[in-house]
Amino acid sequence: MRTEARRRIAEDLAGADFAAFAARTGRIGGQSEQRAVGIVPDDVAAALGSDARVVRLSSYTAVKQRAHRRGQQFTATDYQRVQPMLDEGLILEESPGRLQVFKQEAGQIWRAVVKVTEDRREIYLQSLHRSTTTQMGRRARKLKTLRREEQ
């Protein structure tokens, strides 16, 4: 079942509809939409204290991401990195219910922040951006390591 869900999410992330969602610069009708960007493995769900498995991206966060990543050549396809990060990345506990995930890919380090809602029913991607070896090392020394990056 999770394999099918991952396949559907991957297809959605690669589609034009998701690209339009991620490219918006404001809210539509005052409502925040949500899109699935990944499925958390069991160890990540346990660390978040949630039975939820789907990681969601809200339109509010997508707009924030777009505004903060100007000039960084950040695109909707970058969200396709989330699943491999969740599956294989370095997982650090920033605080209860909030994790930082790092993964190196093709010489570039990426950092995602994932959090669970207060009622623990939903998981959201809060941030996704490029990072550095220095930033990753600093956070790894400071925060509790829940999983080392798989090579």
Foldseek 3Di string as FASTA:
>chain_A
DQVVVQVVLLVVLPDPVLQVLLPDQDDDPPDKDKGFLEFADPLVLVQQVAPGTTAIEISVLSNVACVVCPPVPDGSNLSNVVHLQRVFFWWFDPDRFKIWTWDDDPNWIKIWIKGADPVRHHIYTNDIDTDDPVVVVVRPVVTHTSDHGDD
